[in-house]
Amino acid sequence: MFTREIDVLLTTTMKPILFFIVFTTAISTARARLGETREECDVRYGSLVSVKDDFRPDFPQYCYAKNDVEIRVRFWQGKVGQIIISSDHGMADNTISEILQGNAEGSSWKIDNIQTRKIQDPKTYSVACFYRRADGNATAEYHKMQAIDSDTIVIETSKFNDAFNAKASGF
């Protein structure tokens, strides 16, 4: 009888807590870094899952997966210039802060703008928070998709952005 009560307690209380701990650890270990090499990315994230070059063959996305978190990186001059981290389980505020802090490179991040947009289905909307690094060398966008609990953060260096947009105008 007492064992059943413990089992119910574990099922209703502990499983969500364990999921949160595992998920938070997965995102924390998935902290991408601007400026890393391909070899450093392989060490940080494990085996490469795929390379996507259908949108921009000149800037392919190197895709990794780590515990339900997708990490995509693009390189510029041999170093990570853009990082895209996506999760279908949402991201906690402290996780976003940790990811930004890990890419501060001695600077700090400031919120530049916050927007809310409806996306296709009127019940689904995105909250977008735009950040700018104080030294002007990087920007970030955090998108939270309401109703489907999907979050994405994109961080890129200003030099990558300039190169990416300059080449895009030639398409």
C-alpha atoms as a PDB file:
ATOM      1  CA  MET A   1       0.000   0.000   0.000  1.00  0.00           C
ATOM      2  CA  PHE A   2       2.731   2.459   0.947  1.00  0.00           C
ATOM      3  CA  THR A   3       4.727   1.373  -2.130  1.00  0.00           C
ATOM      4  CA  ARG A   4       1.823   2.345  -4.404  1.00  0.00           C
ATOM      5  CA  GLU A   5       1.721   5.847  -2.886  1.00  0.00           C
ATOM      6  CA  ILE A   6       5.449   6.249  -3.510  1.00  0.00           C
ATOM      7  CA  ASP A   7       4.995   5.015  -7.081  1.00  0.00           C
ATOM      8  CA  VAL A   8       2.220   7.593  -7.677  1.00  0.00           C
ATOM      9  CA  LEU A   9       4.383  10.322  -6.139  1.00  0.00           C
ATOM     10  CA  LEU A  10       7.311   9.363  -8.369  1.00  0.00           C
ATOM     11  CA  THR A  11       5.112   9.244 -11.455  1.00  0.00           C
ATOM     12  CA  THR A  12       3.371  12.563 -10.891  1.00  0.00           C
ATOM     13  CA  THR A  13       6.176  14.537  -9.294  1.00  0.00           C
ATOM     14  CA  MET A  14       9.559  13.092 -10.069  1.00  0.00           C
ATOM     15  CA  LYS A  15       9.213  12.306 -13.770  1.00  0.00           C
ATOM     16  CA  PRO A  16       8.543  15.931 -14.764  1.00  0.00           C
ATOM     17  CA  ILE A  17      11.402  17.054 -12.532  1.00  0.00           C
ATOM     18  CA  LEU A  18      13.758  14.476 -14.027  1.00  0.00           C
ATOM     19  CA  PHE A  19      12.690  15.485 -17.552  1.00  0.00           C
ATOM     20  CA  PHE A  20      13.382  19.137 -16.713  1.00  0.00           C
ATOM     21  CA  ILE A  21      16.839  18.294 -15.299  1.00  0.00           C
ATOM     22  CA  VAL A  22      17.773  16.158 -18.316  1.00  0.00           C
ATOM     23  CA  PHE A  23      16.424  18.738 -20.765  1.00  0.00           C
ATOM     24  CA  THR A  24      18.116  21.692 -19.055  1.00  0.00           C
ATOM     25  CA  THR A  25      21.383  19.762 -18.995  1.00  0.00           C
ATOM     26  CA  ALA A  26      20.996  18.960 -22.712  1.00  0.00           C
ATOM     27  CA  ILE A  27      20.559  22.598 -23.649  1.00  0.00           C
ATOM     28  CA  SER A  28      23.324  23.709 -21.278  1.00  0.00           C
ATOM     29  CA  THR A  29      25.750  21.242 -22.862  1.00  0.00           C
ATOM     30  CA  ALA A  30      24.563  22.404 -26.278  1.00  0.00           C
ATOM     31  CA  ARG A  31      25.865  25.929 -25.702  1.00  0.00           C
ATOM     32  CA  ALA A  32      27.281  26.814 -29.057  1.00  0.00           C
ATOM     33  CA  ARG A  33      30.146  29.229 -29.372  1.00  0.00           C
ATOM     34  CA  LEU A  34      30.796  31.799 -32.055  1.00  0.00           C
ATOM     35  CA  GLY A  35      34.298  31.512 -33.444  1.00  0.00           C
ATOM     36  CA  GLU A  36      34.715  27.765 -32.940  1.00  0.00           C
ATOM     37  CA  THR A  37      36.150  25.572 -35.685  1.00  0.00           C
ATOM     38  CA  ARG A  38      34.409  22.567 -37.228  1.00  0.00           C
ATOM     39  CA  GLU A  39      36.600  20.262 -35.118  1.00  0.00           C
ATOM     40  CA  GLU A  40      35.622  22.094 -31.919  1.00  0.00           C
ATOM     41  CA  CYS A  41      31.943  21.782 -32.887  1.00  0.00           C
ATOM     42  CA  ASP A  42      32.350  18.030 -33.441  1.00  0.00           C
ATOM     43  CA  VAL A  43      33.859  17.690 -29.949  1.00  0.00           C
ATOM     44  CA  ARG A  44      31.159  19.861 -28.326  1.00  0.00           C
ATOM     45  CA  TYR A  45      28.102  18.307 -30.057  1.00  0.00           C
ATOM     46  CA  GLY A  46      29.211  14.847 -31.176  1.00  0.00           C
ATOM     47  CA  SER A  47      28.702  13.372 -34.615  1.00  0.00           C
ATOM     48  CA  LEU A  48      27.445  15.542 -37.422  1.00  0.00           C
ATOM     49  CA  VAL A  49      23.856  14.592 -38.369  1.00  0.00           C
ATOM     50  CA  SER A  50      23.676  16.287 -41.758  1.00  0.00           C
ATOM     51  CA  VAL A  51      24.765  19.202 -43.894  1.00  0.00           C
ATOM     52  CA  LYS A  52      21.981  21.283 -45.451  1.00  0.00           C
ATOM     53  CA  ASP A  53      22.869  23.482 -48.392  1.00  0.00           C
ATOM     54  CA  ASP A  54      19.552  23.753 -50.214  1.00  0.00           C
ATOM     55  CA  PHE A  55      18.871  27.354 -49.170  1.00  0.00           C
ATOM     56  CA  ARG A  56      22.393  28.772 -49.387  1.00  0.00           C
ATOM     57  CA  PRO A  57      24.982  26.403 -50.906  1.00  0.00           C
ATOM     58  CA  ASP A  58      27.689  28.993 -50.172  1.00  0.00           C
ATOM     59  CA  PHE A  59      26.778  28.925 -46.447  1.00  0.00           C
ATOM     60  CA  PRO A  60      25.724  25.335 -45.626  1.00  0.00           C
ATOM     61  CA  GLN A  61      24.251  24.513 -42.226  1.00  0.00           C
ATOM     62  CA  TYR A  62      26.113  21.860 -40.273  1.00  0.00           C
ATOM     63  CA  CYS A  63      23.452  20.093 -38.217  1.00  0.00           C
ATOM     64  CA  TYR A  64      23.942  18.374 -34.876  1.00  0.00           C
ATOM     65  CA  ALA A  65      21.445  16.896 -32.409  1.00  0.00           C
ATOM     66  CA  LYS A  66      21.905  16.544 -28.693  1.00  0.00           C
ATOM     67  CA  ASN A  67      19.095  15.242 -26.446  1.00  0.00           C
ATOM     68  CA  ASP A  68      16.120  16.679 -28.387  1.00  0.00           C
ATOM     69  CA  VAL A  69      17.965  19.919 -29.117  1.00  0.00           C
ATOM     70  CA  GLU A  70      18.939  20.743 -32.694  1.00  0.00           C
ATOM     71  CA  ILE A  71      22.096  22.799 -33.198  1.00  0.00           C
ATOM     72  CA  ARG A  72      22.888  24.213 -36.641  1.00  0.00           C
ATOM     73  CA  VAL A  73      26.011  26.207 -37.360  1.00  0.00           C
ATOM     74  CA  ARG A  74      27.274  28.101 -40.389  1.00  0.00           C
ATOM     75  CA  PHE A  75      30.918  28.947 -40.872  1.00  0.00           C
ATOM     76  CA  TRP A  76      32.559  32.068 -42.203  1.00  0.00           C
ATOM     77  CA  GLN A  77      36.303  32.051 -42.829  1.00  0.00           C
ATOM     78  CA  GLY A  78      36.606  28.680 -41.056  1.00  0.00           C
ATOM     79  CA  LYS A  79      34.929  29.791 -37.809  1.00  0.00           C
ATOM     80  CA  VAL A  80      31.332  29.607 -36.553  1.00  0.00           C
ATOM     81  CA  GLY A  81      29.609  32.786 -37.697  1.00  0.00           C
ATOM     82  CA  GLN A  82      26.002  31.741 -37.046  1.00  0.00           C
ATOM     83  CA  ILE A  83      24.436  29.432 -34.474  1.00  0.00           C
ATOM     84  CA  ILE A  84      20.820  28.244 -34.514  1.00  0.00           C
ATOM     85  CA  ILE A  85      19.587  26.280 -31.483  1.00  0.00           C
ATOM     86  CA  SER A  86      16.049  24.863 -31.627  1.00  0.00           C
ATOM     87  CA  SER A  87      14.013  22.960 -29.085  1.00  0.00           C
ATOM     88  CA  ASP A  88      10.497  21.555 -29.298  1.00  0.00           C
ATOM     89  CA  HIS A  89      10.305  21.574 -25.486  1.00  0.00           C
ATOM     90  CA  GLY A  90      10.799  25.294 -24.883  1.00  0.00           C
ATOM     91  CA  MET A  91      13.762  27.035 -23.285  1.00  0.00           C
ATOM     92  CA  ALA A  92      13.915  28.551 -19.828  1.00  0.00           C
ATOM     93  CA  ASP A  93      14.918  32.208 -19.450  1.00  0.00           C
ATOM     94  CA  ASN A  94      18.101  31.223 -17.633  1.00  0.00           C
ATOM     95  CA  THR A  95      19.013  28.922 -20.548  1.00  0.00           C
ATOM     96  CA  ILE A  96      18.697  31.809 -23.016  1.00  0.00           C
ATOM     97  CA  SER A  97      20.833  33.950 -20.700  1.00  0.00           C
ATOM     98  CA  GLU A  98      23.478  31.200 -20.466  1.00  0.00           C
ATOM     99  CA  ILE A  99      23.617  30.821 -24.256  1.00  0.00           C
ATOM    100  CA  LEU A 100      23.961  34.583 -24.728  1.00  0.00           C
ATOM    101  CA  GLN A 101      26.558  34.883 -21.972  1.00  0.00           C
ATOM    102  CA  GLY A 102      28.536  32.045 -23.554  1.00  0.00           C
ATOM    103  CA  ASN A 103      28.725  34.158 -26.711  1.00  0.00           C
ATOM    104  CA  ALA A 104      29.387  37.543 -25.098  1.00  0.00           C
ATOM    105  CA  GLU A 105      33.144  37.364 -25.780  1.00  0.00           C
ATOM    106  CA  GLY A 106      33.862  39.844 -22.989  1.00  0.00           C
ATOM    107  CA  SER A 107      30.947  42.114 -23.913  1.00  0.00           C
ATOM    108  CA  SER A 108      27.310  42.166 -22.754  1.00  0.00           C
ATOM    109  CA  TRP A 109      23.928  41.719 -24.444  1.00  0.00           C
ATOM    110  CA  LYS A 110      21.122  44.289 -24.494  1.00  0.00           C
ATOM    111  CA  ILE A 111      17.545  43.816 -25.679  1.00  0.00           C
ATOM    112  CA  ASP A 112      17.119  45.760 -28.893  1.00  0.00           C
ATOM    113  CA  ASN A 113      13.451  45.070 -29.672  1.00  0.00           C
ATOM    114  CA  ILE A 114      10.548  42.748 -28.767  1.00  0.00           C
ATOM    115  CA  GLN A 115       7.820  41.819 -31.258  1.00  0.00           C
ATOM    116  CA  THR A 116       4.747  39.614 -31.273  1.00  0.00           C
ATOM    117  CA  ARG A 117       3.511  38.157 -34.556  1.00  0.00           C
ATOM    118  CA  LYS A 118       0.650  35.875 -35.545  1.00  0.00           C
ATOM    119  CA  ILE A 119       1.765  32.895 -37.555  1.00  0.00           C
ATOM    120  CA  GLN A 120      -0.705  31.186 -39.939  1.00  0.00           C
ATOM    121  CA  ASP A 121      -3.077  29.749 -37.331  1.00  0.00           C
ATOM    122  CA  PRO A 122      -4.599  32.589 -35.239  1.00  0.00           C
ATOM    123  CA  LYS A 123      -3.949  30.548 -32.071  1.00  0.00           C
ATOM    124  CA  THR A 124      -0.238  30.362 -32.823  1.00  0.00           C
ATOM    125  CA  TYR A 125       1.957  33.397 -32.457  1.00  0.00           C
ATOM    126  CA  SER A 126       5.608  34.089 -32.066  1.00  0.00           C
ATOM    127  CA  VAL A 127       7.243  36.309 -29.534  1.00  0.00           C
ATOM    128  CA  ALA A 128      10.578  37.515 -30.876  1.00  0.00           C
ATOM    129  CA  CYS A 129      13.209  39.180 -28.755  1.00  0.00           C
ATOM    130  CA  PHE A 130      16.107  40.827 -30.580  1.00  0.00           C
ATOM    131  CA  TYR A 131      19.443  41.371 -28.850  1.00  0.00           C
ATOM    132  CA  ARG A 132      22.531  43.359 -29.764  1.00  0.00           C
ATOM    133  CA  ARG A 133      25.924  42.827 -28.218  1.00  0.00           C
ATOM    134  CA  ALA A 134      27.319  46.022 -26.655  1.00  0.00           C
ATOM    135  CA  ASP A 135      30.516  45.841 -28.722  1.00  0.00           C
ATOM    136  CA  GLY A 136      28.418  45.746 -31.928  1.00  0.00           C
ATOM    137  CA  ASN A 137      30.064  42.523 -33.119  1.00  0.00           C
ATOM    138  CA  ALA A 138      27.068  40.177 -32.793  1.00  0.00           C
ATOM    139  CA  THR A 139      23.275  40.008 -32.736  1.00  0.00           C
ATOM    140  CA  ALA A 140      20.793  37.419 -31.520  1.00  0.00           C
ATOM    141  CA  GLU A 141      17.113  36.622 -32.056  1.00  0.00           C
ATOM    142  CA  TYR A 142      15.056  34.480 -29.714  1.00  0.00           C
ATOM    143  CA  HIS A 143      11.725  33.179 -31.038  1.00  0.00           C
ATOM    144  CA  LYS A 144       9.149  31.489 -28.836  1.00  0.00           C
ATOM    145  CA  MET A 145       6.299  29.833 -30.711  1.00  0.00           C
ATOM    146  CA  GLN A 146       3.299  29.901 -28.406  1.00  0.00           C
ATOM    147  CA  ALA A 147       0.785  27.019 -28.448  1.00  0.00           C
ATOM    148  CA  ILE A 148       3.400  24.583 -29.760  1.00  0.00           C
ATOM    149  CA  ASP A 149       6.168  25.297 -27.215  1.00  0.00           C
ATOM    150  CA  SER A 150       8.933  25.524 -29.797  1.00  0.00           C
ATOM    151  CA  ASP A 151      11.854  27.860 -29.184  1.00  0.00           C
ATOM    152  CA  THR A 152      14.723  28.944 -31.403  1.00  0.00           C
ATOM    153  CA  ILE A 153      17.665  31.220 -30.774  1.00  0.00           C
ATOM    154  CA  VAL A 154      19.852  32.511 -33.613  1.00  0.00           C
ATOM    155  CA  ILE A 155      23.179  34.170 -32.831  1.00  0.00           C
ATOM    156  CA  GLU A 156      25.485  35.576 -35.480  1.00  0.00           C
ATOM    157  CA  THR A 157      28.514  37.761 -35.789  1.00  0.00           C
ATOM    158  CA  SER A 158      28.173  41.056 -37.614  1.00  0.00           C
ATOM    159  CA  LYS A 159      30.895  39.993 -40.058  1.00  0.00           C
ATOM    160  CA  PHE A 160      28.995  36.796 -40.876  1.00  0.00           C
ATOM    161  CA  ASN A 161      25.780  38.792 -41.333  1.00  0.00           C
ATOM    162  CA  ASP A 162      27.510  41.223 -43.704  1.00  0.00           C
ATOM    163  CA  ALA A 163      28.998  38.384 -45.782  1.00  0.00           C
ATOM    164  CA  PHE A 164      25.746  36.391 -45.784  1.00  0.00           C
ATOM    165  CA  ASN A 165      23.665  39.378 -46.890  1.00  0.00           C
ATOM    166  CA  ALA A 166      26.235  40.580 -49.447  1.00  0.00           C
ATOM    167  CA  LYS A 167      26.240  37.197 -51.159  1.00  0.00           C
ATOM    168  CA  ALA A 168      22.432  36.954 -50.926  1.00  0.00           C
ATOM    169  CA  SER A 169      22.087  40.060 -53.069  1.00  0.00           C
ATOM    170  CA  GLY A 170      23.920  38.203 -55.845  1.00  0.00           C
ATOM    171  CA  PHE A 171      21.301  35.423 -56.061  1.00  0.00           C
END
